[in-house]
PDB file of N, CA and C in Angstrom:
ATOM      1  N   MET A   1      78.792  88.091 171.306  1.00  0.00           N
ATOM      2  CA  MET A   1      80.229  88.025 171.145  1.00  0.00           C
ATOM      3  C   MET A   1      80.894  87.578 172.439  1.00  0.00           C
ATOM      4  N   SER A   2      80.427  88.110 173.587  1.00  0.00           N
ATOM      5  CA  SER A   2      81.043  87.732 174.853  1.00  0.00           C
ATOM      6  C   SER A   2      80.778  86.268 175.180  1.00  0.00           C
ATOM      7  N   VAL A   3      79.646  85.712 174.702  1.00  0.00           N
ATOM      8  CA  VAL A   3      79.359  84.303 174.929  1.00  0.00           C
ATOM      9  C   VAL A   3      80.388  83.442 174.205  1.00  0.00           C
ATOM     10  N   LEU A   4      80.740  83.849 172.984  1.00  0.00           N
ATOM     11  CA  LEU A   4      81.741  83.125 172.216  1.00  0.00           C
ATOM     12  C   LEU A   4      83.104  83.175 172.896  1.00  0.00           C
ATOM     13  N   VAL A   5      83.497  84.329 173.390  1.00  0.00           N
ATOM     14  CA  VAL A   5      84.775  84.466 174.080  1.00  0.00           C
ATOM     15  C   VAL A   5      84.776  83.634 175.363  1.00  0.00           C
ATOM     16  N   HIS A   6      83.664  83.654 176.078  1.00  0.00           N
ATOM     17  CA  HIS A   6      83.562  82.873 177.308  1.00  0.00           C
ATOM     18  C   HIS A   6      83.676  81.377 177.019  1.00  0.00           C
ATOM     19  N   ALA A   7      82.977  80.909 175.979  1.00  0.00           N
ATOM     20  CA  ALA A   7      83.043  79.490 175.609  1.00  0.00           C
ATOM     21  C   ALA A   7      84.454  79.111 175.185  1.00  0.00           C
ATOM     22  N   LEU A   8      85.117  79.980 174.443  1.00  0.00           N
ATOM     23  CA  LEU A   8      86.490  79.708 174.015  1.00  0.00           C
ATOM     24  C   LEU A   8      87.423  79.649 175.222  1.00  0.00           C
ATOM     25  N   ALA A   9      87.247  80.538 176.170  1.00  0.00           N
ATOM     26  CA  ALA A   9      88.082  80.540 177.370  1.00  0.00           C
ATOM     27  C   ALA A   9      87.867  79.278 178.193  1.00  0.00           C
ATOM     28  N   GLN A  10      86.618  78.832 178.300  1.00  0.00           N
ATOM     29  CA  GLN A  10      86.343  77.599 179.031  1.00  0.00           C
ATOM     30  C   GLN A  10      86.988  76.402 178.346  1.00  0.00           C
ATOM     31  N   HIS A  11      86.874  76.355 177.032  1.00  0.00           N
ATOM     32  CA  HIS A  11      87.468  75.255 176.273  1.00  0.00           C
ATOM     33  C   HIS A  11      88.988  75.236 176.450  1.00  0.00           C
ATOM     34  N   LEU A  12      89.597  76.405 176.373  1.00  0.00           N
ATOM     35  CA  LEU A  12      91.039  76.476 176.529  1.00  0.00           C
ATOM     36  C   LEU A  12      91.468  76.124 177.950  1.00  0.00           C
ATOM     37  N   ALA A  13      90.668  76.505 178.937  1.00  0.00           N
ATOM     38  CA  ALA A  13      91.023  76.214 180.327  1.00  0.00           C
ATOM     39  C   ALA A  13      91.004  74.721 180.599  1.00  0.00           C
ATOM     40  N   THR A  14      90.050  74.035 179.991  1.00  0.00           N
ATOM     41  CA  THR A  14      89.991  72.592 180.213  1.00  0.00           C
ATOM     42  C   THR A  14      91.011  71.856 179.356  1.00  0.00           C
ATOM     43  N   ALA A  15      91.314  72.364 178.181  1.00  0.00           N
ATOM     44  CA  ALA A  15      92.232  71.674 177.279  1.00  0.00           C
ATOM     45  C   ALA A  15      93.686  71.993 177.592  1.00  0.00           C
ATOM     46  N   ASP A  16      93.998  73.267 177.811  1.00  0.00           N
ATOM     47  CA  ASP A  16      95.388  73.683 177.997  1.00  0.00           C
ATOM     48  C   ASP A  16      95.432  74.850 178.979  1.00  0.00           C
ATOM     49  N   PRO A  17      95.815  74.641 180.217  1.00  0.00           N
ATOM     50  CA  PRO A  17      95.828  75.733 181.196  1.00  0.00           C
ATOM     51  C   PRO A  17      96.788  76.859 180.841  1.00  0.00           C
ATOM     52  N   VAL A  18      97.888  76.565 180.154  1.00  0.00           N
ATOM     53  CA  VAL A  18      98.845  77.605 179.760  1.00  0.00           C
ATOM     54  C   VAL A  18      98.216  78.530 178.729  1.00  0.00           C
ATOM     55  N   ALA A  19      97.465  77.960 177.770  1.00  0.00           N
ATOM     56  CA  ALA A  19      96.793  78.780 176.751  1.00  0.00           C
ATOM     57  C   ALA A  19      95.741  79.671 177.391  1.00  0.00           C
ATOM     58  N   ALA A  20      95.061  79.165 178.420  1.00  0.00           N
ATOM     59  CA  ALA A  20      94.060  79.980 179.116  1.00  0.00           C
ATOM     60  C   ALA A  20      94.717  81.167 179.791  1.00  0.00           C
ATOM     61  N   THR A  21      95.903  80.983 180.338  1.00  0.00           N
ATOM     62  CA  THR A  21      96.623  82.079 180.980  1.00  0.00           C
ATOM     63  C   THR A  21      97.018  83.130 179.949  1.00  0.00           C
ATOM     64  N   ARG A  22      97.456  82.685 178.772  1.00  0.00           N
ATOM     65  CA  ARG A  22      97.814  83.633 177.710  1.00  0.00           C
ATOM     66  C   ARG A  22      96.599  84.422 177.253  1.00  0.00           C
ATOM     67  N   LEU A  23      95.427  83.764 177.150  1.00  0.00           N
ATOM     68  CA  LEU A  23      94.209  84.448 176.724  1.00  0.00           C
ATOM     69  C   LEU A  23      93.798  85.485 177.771  1.00  0.00           C
ATOM     70  N   ALA A  24      93.940  85.136 179.036  1.00  0.00           N
ATOM     71  CA  ALA A  24      93.536  86.050 180.098  1.00  0.00           C
ATOM     72  C   ALA A  24      94.472  87.245 180.218  1.00  0.00           C
ATOM     73  N   SER A  25      95.733  87.077 179.834  1.00  0.00           N
ATOM     74  CA  SER A  25      96.683  88.177 179.974  1.00  0.00           C
ATOM     75  C   SER A  25      96.439  89.281 178.961  1.00  0.00           C
ATOM     76  N   GLY A  26      95.727  89.011 177.893  1.00  0.00           N
ATOM     77  CA  GLY A  26      95.380  90.034 176.919  1.00  0.00           C
ATOM     78  C   GLY A  26      96.305  90.042 175.719  1.00  0.00           C
ATOM     79  N   VAL A  27      95.979  90.887 174.810  1.00  0.00           N
ATOM     80  CA  VAL A  27      96.738  91.031 173.572  1.00  0.00           C
ATOM     81  C   VAL A  27      97.898  91.980 173.818  1.00  0.00           C
ATOM     82  N   PRO A  28      99.105  91.659 173.337  1.00  0.00           N
ATOM     83  CA  PRO A  28     100.228  92.575 173.546  1.00  0.00           C
ATOM     84  C   PRO A  28     100.004  93.907 172.830  1.00  0.00           C
ATOM     85  N   ASN A  29     100.472  94.981 173.438  1.00  0.00           N
ATOM     86  CA  ASN A  29     100.288  96.320 172.870  1.00  0.00           C
ATOM     87  C   ASN A  29     101.631  97.050 172.882  1.00  0.00           C
ATOM     88  N   PRO A  30     102.496  96.758 171.907  1.00  0.00           N
ATOM     89  CA  PRO A  30     103.806  97.417 171.901  1.00  0.00           C
ATOM     90  C   PRO A  30     103.693  98.881 171.482  1.00  0.00           C
ATOM     91  N   LYS A  31     104.643  99.684 171.934  1.00  0.00           N
ATOM     92  CA  LYS A  31     104.689 101.093 171.544  1.00  0.00           C
ATOM     93  C   LYS A  31     105.144 101.204 170.091  1.00  0.00           C
ATOM     94  N   PRO A  32     104.657 102.206 169.361  1.00  0.00           N
ATOM     95  CA  PRO A  32     105.107 102.384 167.980  1.00  0.00           C
ATOM     96  C   PRO A  32     106.566 102.825 167.925  1.00  0.00           C
ATOM     97  N   VAL A  33     107.298 102.270 166.998  1.00  0.00           N
ATOM     98  CA  VAL A  33     108.710 102.588 166.823  1.00  0.00           C
ATOM     99  C   VAL A  33     108.938 102.920 165.356  1.00  0.00           C
ATOM    100  N   ALA A  34     109.557 104.058 165.103  1.00  0.00           N
ATOM    101  CA  ALA A  34     109.842 104.458 163.729  1.00  0.00           C
ATOM    102  C   ALA A  34     110.964 103.600 163.155  1.00  0.00           C
ATOM    103  N   PRO A  35     110.895 103.277 161.862  1.00  0.00           N
ATOM    104  CA  PRO A  35     111.996 102.554 161.229  1.00  0.00           C
ATOM    105  C   PRO A  35     113.281 103.390 161.308  1.00  0.00           C
ATOM    106  N   PRO A  36     114.423 102.740 161.368  1.00  0.00           N
ATOM    107  CA  PRO A  36     115.689 103.479 161.493  1.00  0.00           C
ATOM    108  C   PRO A  36     115.884 104.481 160.350  1.00  0.00           C
ATOM    109  N   GLY A  37     116.200 105.701 160.709  1.00  0.00           N
ATOM    110  CA  GLY A  37     116.487 106.733 159.717  1.00  0.00           C
ATOM    111  C   GLY A  37     115.280 107.475 159.183  1.00  0.00           C
ATOM    112  N   LEU A  38     114.057 107.063 159.534  1.00  0.00           N
ATOM    113  CA  LEU A  38     112.871 107.719 158.987  1.00  0.00           C
ATOM    114  C   LEU A  38     112.234 108.722 159.931  1.00  0.00           C
ATOM    115  N   SER A  39     112.577 108.680 161.186  1.00  0.00           N
ATOM    116  CA  SER A  39     111.919 109.533 162.167  1.00  0.00           C
ATOM    117  C   SER A  39     112.063 111.013 161.827  1.00  0.00           C
ATOM    118  N   ARG A  40     113.275 111.438 161.514  1.00  0.00           N
ATOM    119  CA  ARG A  40     113.508 112.857 161.213  1.00  0.00           C
ATOM    120  C   ARG A  40     112.834 113.265 159.909  1.00  0.00           C
ATOM    121  N   ARG A  41     112.889 112.387 158.900  1.00  0.00           N
ATOM    122  CA  ARG A  41     112.280 112.720 157.600  1.00  0.00           C
ATOM    123  C   ARG A  41     110.765 112.802 157.696  1.00  0.00           C
ATOM    124  N   VAL A  42     110.165 111.864 158.409  1.00  0.00           N
ATOM    125  CA  VAL A  42     108.707 111.885 158.563  1.00  0.00           C
ATOM    126  C   VAL A  42     108.290 113.094 159.387  1.00  0.00           C
ATOM    127  N   GLY A  43     109.071 113.450 160.403  1.00  0.00           N
ATOM    128  CA  GLY A  43     108.776 114.646 161.189  1.00  0.00           C
ATOM    129  C   GLY A  43     108.811 115.907 160.338  1.00  0.00           C
ATOM    130  N   ALA A  44     109.789 115.987 159.440  1.00  0.00           N
ATOM    131  CA  ALA A  44     109.866 117.140 158.538  1.00  0.00           C
ATOM    132  C   ALA A  44     108.671 117.165 157.588  1.00  0.00           C
ATOM    133  N   LEU A  45     108.291 115.996 157.068  1.00  0.00           N
ATOM    134  CA  LEU A  45     107.147 115.923 156.155  1.00  0.00           C
ATOM    135  C   LEU A  45     105.858 116.336 156.865  1.00  0.00           C
ATOM    136  N   LEU A  46     105.665 115.858 158.094  1.00  0.00           N
ATOM    137  CA  LEU A  46     104.484 116.262 158.853  1.00  0.00           C
ATOM    138  C   LEU A  46     104.488 117.756 159.141  1.00  0.00           C
ATOM    139  N   GLY A  47     105.652 118.322 159.418  1.00  0.00           N
ATOM    140  CA  GLY A  47     105.750 119.768 159.639  1.00  0.00           C
ATOM    141  C   GLY A  47     105.373 120.561 158.399  1.00  0.00           C
ATOM    142  N   TRP A  48     105.815 120.084 157.243  1.00  0.00           N
ATOM    143  CA  TRP A  48     105.458 120.771 155.986  1.00  0.00           C
ATOM    144  C   TRP A  48     103.961 120.689 155.732  1.00  0.00           C
ATOM    145  N   TRP A  49     103.380 119.512 155.964  1.00  0.00           N
ATOM    146  CA  TRP A  49     101.937 119.359 155.748  1.00  0.00           C
ATOM    147  C   TRP A  49     101.157 120.271 156.688  1.00  0.00           C
ATOM    148  N   LYS A  50     101.582 120.337 157.943  1.00  0.00           N
ATOM    149  CA  LYS A  50     100.881 121.178 158.910  1.00  0.00           C
ATOM    150  C   LYS A  50     100.996 122.648 158.526  1.00  0.00           C
ATOM    151  N   TRP A  51     102.184 123.072 158.115  1.00  0.00           N
ATOM    152  CA  TRP A  51     102.372 124.456 157.698  1.00  0.00           C
ATOM    153  C   TRP A  51     101.487 124.770 156.487  1.00  0.00           C
ATOM    154  N   GLY A  52     101.496 123.889 155.491  1.00  0.00           N
ATOM    155  CA  GLY A  52     100.670 124.107 154.299  1.00  0.00           C
ATOM    156  C   GLY A  52      99.186 124.133 154.619  1.00  0.00           C
ATOM    157  N   SER A  53      98.758 123.284 155.551  1.00  0.00           N
ATOM    158  CA  SER A  53      97.349 123.258 155.941  1.00  0.00           C
ATOM    159  C   SER A  53      96.954 124.536 156.660  1.00  0.00           C
ATOM    160  N   LEU A  54      97.834 125.051 157.503  1.00  0.00           N
ATOM    161  CA  LEU A  54      97.531 126.304 158.191  1.00  0.00           C
ATOM    162  C   LEU A  54      97.474 127.477 157.213  1.00  0.00           C
ATOM    163  N   VAL A  55      98.354 127.475 156.218  1.00  0.00           N
ATOM    164  CA  VAL A  55      98.299 128.510 155.178  1.00  0.00           C
ATOM    165  C   VAL A  55      96.982 128.403 154.407  1.00  0.00           C
ATOM    166  N   ALA A  56      96.563 127.172 154.085  1.00  0.00           N
ATOM    167  CA  ALA A  56      95.287 126.981 153.395  1.00  0.00           C
ATOM    168  C   ALA A  56      94.121 127.475 154.254  1.00  0.00           C
ATOM    169  N   GLY A  57      94.216 127.284 155.578  1.00  0.00           N
ATOM    170  CA  GLY A  57      93.169 127.786 156.466  1.00  0.00           C
ATOM    171  C   GLY A  57      93.086 129.303 156.468  1.00  0.00           C
ATOM    172  N   VAL A  58      94.238 129.968 156.426  1.00  0.00           N
ATOM    173  CA  VAL A  58      94.243 131.436 156.352  1.00  0.00           C
ATOM    174  C   VAL A  58      93.612 131.890 155.037  1.00  0.00           C
ATOM    175  N   PHE A  59      93.982 131.231 153.943  1.00  0.00           N
ATOM    176  CA  PHE A  59      93.364 131.562 152.654  1.00  0.00           C
ATOM    177  C   PHE A  59      91.861 131.302 152.679  1.00  0.00           C
ATOM    178  N   GLY A  60      91.450 130.233 153.371  1.00  0.00           N
ATOM    179  CA  GLY A  60      90.023 129.934 153.473  1.00  0.00           C
ATOM    180  C   GLY A  60      89.262 131.027 154.205  1.00  0.00           C
ATOM    181  N   LEU A  61      89.840 131.531 155.296  1.00  0.00           N
ATOM    182  CA  LEU A  61      89.181 132.622 156.016  1.00  0.00           C
ATOM    183  C   LEU A  61      89.138 133.899 155.182  1.00  0.00           C
ATOM    184  N   ILE A  62      90.213 134.157 154.446  1.00  0.00           N
ATOM    185  CA  ILE A  62      90.227 135.330 153.566  1.00  0.00           C
ATOM    186  C   ILE A  62      89.166 135.181 152.480  1.00  0.00           C
ATOM    187  N   ALA A  63      89.044 133.983 151.919  1.00  0.00           N
ATOM    188  CA  ALA A  63      88.040 133.740 150.880  1.00  0.00           C
ATOM    189  C   ALA A  63      86.629 133.920 151.433  1.00  0.00           C
ATOM    190  N   CYS A  64      86.383 133.444 152.652  1.00  0.00           N
ATOM    191  CA  CYS A  64      85.061 133.620 153.258  1.00  0.00           C
ATOM    192  C   CYS A  64      84.759 135.101 153.462  1.00  0.00           C
ATOM    193  N   GLY A  65      85.740 135.842 153.938  1.00  0.00           N
ATOM    194  CA  GLY A  65      85.543 137.285 154.108  1.00  0.00           C
ATOM    195  C   GLY A  65      85.306 138.000 152.790  1.00  0.00           C
ATOM    196  N   ALA A  66      86.038 137.606 151.746  1.00  0.00           N
ATOM    197  CA  ALA A  66      85.841 138.214 150.427  1.00  0.00           C
ATOM    198  C   ALA A  66      84.449 137.893 149.885  1.00  0.00           C
ATOM    199  N   MET A  67      83.997 136.659 150.083  1.00  0.00           N
ATOM    200  CA  MET A  67      82.652 136.298 149.620  1.00  0.00           C
ATOM    201  C   MET A  67      81.593 137.118 150.345  1.00  0.00           C
ATOM    202  N   MET A  68      81.789 137.343 151.635  1.00  0.00           N
ATOM    203  CA  MET A  68      80.829 138.147 152.386  1.00  0.00           C
ATOM    204  C   MET A  68      80.851 139.603 151.930  1.00  0.00           C
ATOM    205  N   ALA A  69      82.040 140.122 151.640  1.00  0.00           N
ATOM    206  CA  ALA A  69      82.147 141.520 151.205  1.00  0.00           C
ATOM    207  C   ALA A  69      81.547 141.718 149.817  1.00  0.00           C
ATOM    208  N   VAL A  70      81.842 140.795 148.906  1.00  0.00           N
ATOM    209  CA  VAL A  70      81.311 140.922 147.538  1.00  0.00           C
ATOM    210  C   VAL A  70      79.809 140.671 147.523  1.00  0.00           C
ATOM    211  N   GLY A  71      79.342 139.738 148.343  1.00  0.00           N
ATOM    212  CA  GLY A  71      77.932 139.395 148.341  1.00  0.00           C
ATOM    213  C   GLY A  71      77.058 140.331 149.136  1.00  0.00           C
ATOM    214  N   ARG A  72      77.616 141.374 149.671  1.00  0.00           N
ATOM    215  CA  ARG A  72      76.846 142.313 150.485  1.00  0.00           C
ATOM    216  C   ARG A  72      75.735 142.996 149.685  1.00  0.00           C
ATOM    217  N   ARG A  73      76.020 143.309 148.449  1.00  0.00           N
ATOM    218  CA  ARG A  73      75.043 144.031 147.627  1.00  0.00           C
ATOM    219  C   ARG A  73      74.457 143.119 146.553  1.00  0.00           C
ATOM    220  N   ASN A  74      73.187 142.839 146.661  1.00  0.00           N
ATOM    221  CA  ASN A  74      72.412 142.101 145.657  1.00  0.00           C
ATOM    222  C   ASN A  74      72.922 140.684 145.387  1.00  0.00           C
ATOM    223  N   ARG A  75      73.775 140.157 146.217  1.00  0.00           N
ATOM    224  CA  ARG A  75      74.238 138.767 146.075  1.00  0.00           C
ATOM    225  C   ARG A  75      74.221 138.109 147.459  1.00  0.00           C
ATOM    226  N   SER A  76      73.049 138.063 148.041  1.00  0.00           N
ATOM    227  CA  SER A  76      72.960 137.593 149.424  1.00  0.00           C
ATOM    228  C   SER A  76      73.338 136.123 149.566  1.00  0.00           C
ATOM    229  N   THR A  77      73.135 135.315 148.525  1.00  0.00           N
ATOM    230  CA  THR A  77      73.512 133.905 148.643  1.00  0.00           C
ATOM    231  C   THR A  77      75.028 133.742 148.719  1.00  0.00           C
ATOM    232  N   LEU A  78      75.763 134.585 148.005  1.00  0.00           N
ATOM    233  CA  LEU A  78      77.222 134.527 148.071  1.00  0.00           C
ATOM    234  C   LEU A  78      77.704 134.913 149.468  1.00  0.00           C
ATOM    235  N   ALA A  79      77.099 135.940 150.044  1.00  0.00           N
ATOM    236  CA  ALA A  79      77.459 136.355 151.395  1.00  0.00           C
ATOM    237  C   ALA A  79      77.099 135.268 152.406  1.00  0.00           C
ATOM    238  N   ALA A  80      75.958 134.633 152.217  1.00  0.00           N
ATOM    239  CA  ALA A  80      75.554 133.557 153.128  1.00  0.00           C
ATOM    240  C   ALA A  80      76.497 132.361 153.008  1.00  0.00           C
ATOM    241  N   ASP A  81      76.927 132.045 151.790  1.00  0.00           N
ATOM    242  CA  ASP A  81      77.882 130.944 151.610  1.00  0.00           C
ATOM    243  C   ASP A  81      79.218 131.265 152.279  1.00  0.00           C
ATOM    244  N   GLY A  82      79.651 132.510 152.185  1.00  0.00           N
ATOM    245  CA  GLY A  82      80.886 132.914 152.849  1.00  0.00           C
ATOM    246  C   GLY A  82      80.769 132.810 154.360  1.00  0.00           C
ATOM    247  N   ALA A  83      79.646 133.253 154.903  1.00  0.00           N
ATOM    248  CA  ALA A  83      79.439 133.171 156.352  1.00  0.00           C
ATOM    249  C   ALA A  83      79.316 131.720 156.814  1.00  0.00           C
ATOM    250  N   ALA A  84      78.686 130.877 155.995  1.00  0.00           N
ATOM    251  CA  ALA A  84      78.538 129.462 156.350  1.00  0.00           C
ATOM    252  C   ALA A  84      79.868 128.717 156.271  1.00  0.00           C
ATOM    253  N   GLY A  85      80.817 129.234 155.508  1.00  0.00           N
ATOM    254  CA  GLY A  85      82.110 128.582 155.384  1.00  0.00           C
ATOM    255  C   GLY A  85      83.040 128.828 156.555  1.00  0.00           C
ATOM    256  N   ILE A  86      82.803 129.892 157.303  1.00  0.00           N
ATOM    257  CA  ILE A  86      83.695 130.244 158.418  1.00  0.00           C
ATOM    258  C   ILE A  86      83.766 129.147 159.479  1.00  0.00           C
ATOM    259  N   PRO A  87      82.636 128.593 159.950  1.00  0.00           N
ATOM    260  CA  PRO A  87      82.757 127.518 160.950  1.00  0.00           C
ATOM    261  C   PRO A  87      83.501 126.291 160.419  1.00  0.00           C
ATOM    262  N   TRP A  88      83.349 125.984 159.139  1.00  0.00           N
ATOM    263  CA  TRP A  88      84.041 124.835 158.558  1.00  0.00           C
ATOM    264  C   TRP A  88      85.547 125.068 158.518  1.00  0.00           C
ATOM    265  N   VAL A  89      85.945 126.289 158.156  1.00  0.00           N
ATOM    266  CA  VAL A  89      87.379 126.596 158.121  1.00  0.00           C
ATOM    267  C   VAL A  89      87.948 126.567 159.534  1.00  0.00           C
ATOM    268  N   LEU A  90      87.227 127.128 160.486  1.00  0.00           N
ATOM    269  CA  LEU A  90      87.697 127.120 161.871  1.00  0.00           C
ATOM    270  C   LEU A  90      87.759 125.696 162.427  1.00  0.00           C
ATOM    271  N   ALA A  91      86.794 124.864 162.078  1.00  0.00           N
ATOM    272  CA  ALA A  91      86.826 123.468 162.522  1.00  0.00           C
ATOM    273  C   ALA A  91      88.032 122.741 161.918  1.00  0.00           C
ATOM    274  N   GLY A  92      88.326 123.009 160.659  1.00  0.00           N
ATOM    275  CA  GLY A  92      89.491 122.393 160.033  1.00  0.00           C
ATOM    276  C   GLY A  92      90.788 122.851 160.672  1.00  0.00           C
ATOM    277  N   LEU A  93      90.892 124.144 160.959  1.00  0.00           N
ATOM    278  CA  LEU A  93      92.095 124.654 161.622  1.00  0.00           C
ATOM    279  C   LEU A  93      92.253 124.078 163.027  1.00  0.00           C
ATOM    280  N   THR A  94      91.151 123.918 163.726  1.00  0.00           N
ATOM    281  CA  THR A  94      91.193 123.327 165.054  1.00  0.00           C
ATOM    282  C   THR A  94      91.669 121.882 164.991  1.00  0.00           C
ATOM    283  N   LEU A  95      91.148 121.136 164.023  1.00  0.00           N
ATOM    284  CA  LEU A  95      91.561 119.740 163.859  1.00  0.00           C
ATOM    285  C   LEU A  95      93.040 119.637 163.502  1.00  0.00           C
ATOM    286  N   ILE A  96      93.516 120.537 162.667  1.00  0.00           N
ATOM    287  CA  ILE A  96      94.940 120.551 162.303  1.00  0.00           C
ATOM    288  C   ILE A  96      95.794 120.832 163.533  1.00  0.00           C
ATOM    289  N   ALA A  97      95.388 121.829 164.314  1.00  0.00           N
ATOM    290  CA  ALA A  97      96.179 122.216 165.483  1.00  0.00           C
ATOM    291  C   ALA A  97      96.195 121.128 166.556  1.00  0.00           C
ATOM    292  N   LEU A  98      95.104 120.380 166.675  1.00  0.00           N
ATOM    293  CA  LEU A  98      94.997 119.374 167.725  1.00  0.00           C
ATOM    294  C   LEU A  98      95.347 117.965 167.254  1.00  0.00           C
ATOM    295  N   SER A  99      95.721 117.812 165.992  1.00  0.00           N
ATOM    296  CA  SER A  99      95.898 116.469 165.423  1.00  0.00           C
ATOM    297  C   SER A  99      96.932 115.639 166.172  1.00  0.00           C
ATOM    298  N   SER A 100      98.084 116.189 166.475  1.00  0.00           N
ATOM    299  CA  SER A 100      99.103 115.390 167.159  1.00  0.00           C
ATOM    300  C   SER A 100      98.673 115.053 168.585  1.00  0.00           C
ATOM    301  N   GLY A 101      97.964 115.941 169.244  1.00  0.00           N
ATOM    302  CA  GLY A 101      97.461 115.646 170.590  1.00  0.00           C
ATOM    303  C   GLY A 101      96.397 114.569 170.578  1.00  0.00           C
ATOM    304  N   ILE A 102      95.523 114.604 169.567  1.00  0.00           N
ATOM    305  CA  ILE A 102      94.467 113.589 169.449  1.00  0.00           C
ATOM    306  C   ILE A 102      95.085 112.214 169.222  1.00  0.00           C
ATOM    307  N   VAL A 103      96.051 112.132 168.325  1.00  0.00           N
ATOM    308  CA  VAL A 103      96.706 110.852 168.047  1.00  0.00           C
ATOM    309  C   VAL A 103      97.502 110.398 169.263  1.00  0.00           C
ATOM    310  N   GLY A 104      98.097 111.346 169.985  1.00  0.00           N
ATOM    311  CA  GLY A 104      98.883 111.005 171.165  1.00  0.00           C
ATOM    312  C   GLY A 104      98.057 110.362 172.262  1.00  0.00           C
ATOM    313  N   VAL A 105      96.758 110.658 172.310  1.00  0.00           N
ATOM    314  CA  VAL A 105      95.893 110.046 173.308  1.00  0.00           C
ATOM    315  C   VAL A 105      95.818 108.535 173.097  1.00  0.00           C
ATOM    316  N   PHE A 106      95.854 108.100 171.858  1.00  0.00           N
ATOM    317  CA  PHE A 106      95.697 106.688 171.549  1.00  0.00           C
ATOM    318  C   PHE A 106      97.013 105.922 171.569  1.00  0.00           C
ATOM    319  N   LEU A 107      98.123 106.591 171.748  1.00  0.00           N
ATOM    320  CA  LEU A 107      99.409 105.905 171.809  1.00  0.00           C
ATOM    321  C   LEU A 107      99.682 105.593 173.220  1.00  0.00           C
TER     322      LEU A 107
END
């Protein structure tokens, strides 16, 4: 791939020096801008989704605990499934909590 880019840059440098300068300067990277009037609405929608996801995570932890409690006697697979679900619920809650920070790294 780099050979192709190098050949293209050489061709542009010999054919058009201005085009070579544009290629060397890189691709423009503008900051994201919300459409007029949507910023507040989208922020509210994201807040609702985050709140609902956190509530679902609490229910998930409660469900895992209930599965472990019910599966304690003669239902060891149910208890094991409940215990195995805890790391998944915690990973999901962690991803929800860090989602805006993760996306912010790429902006």
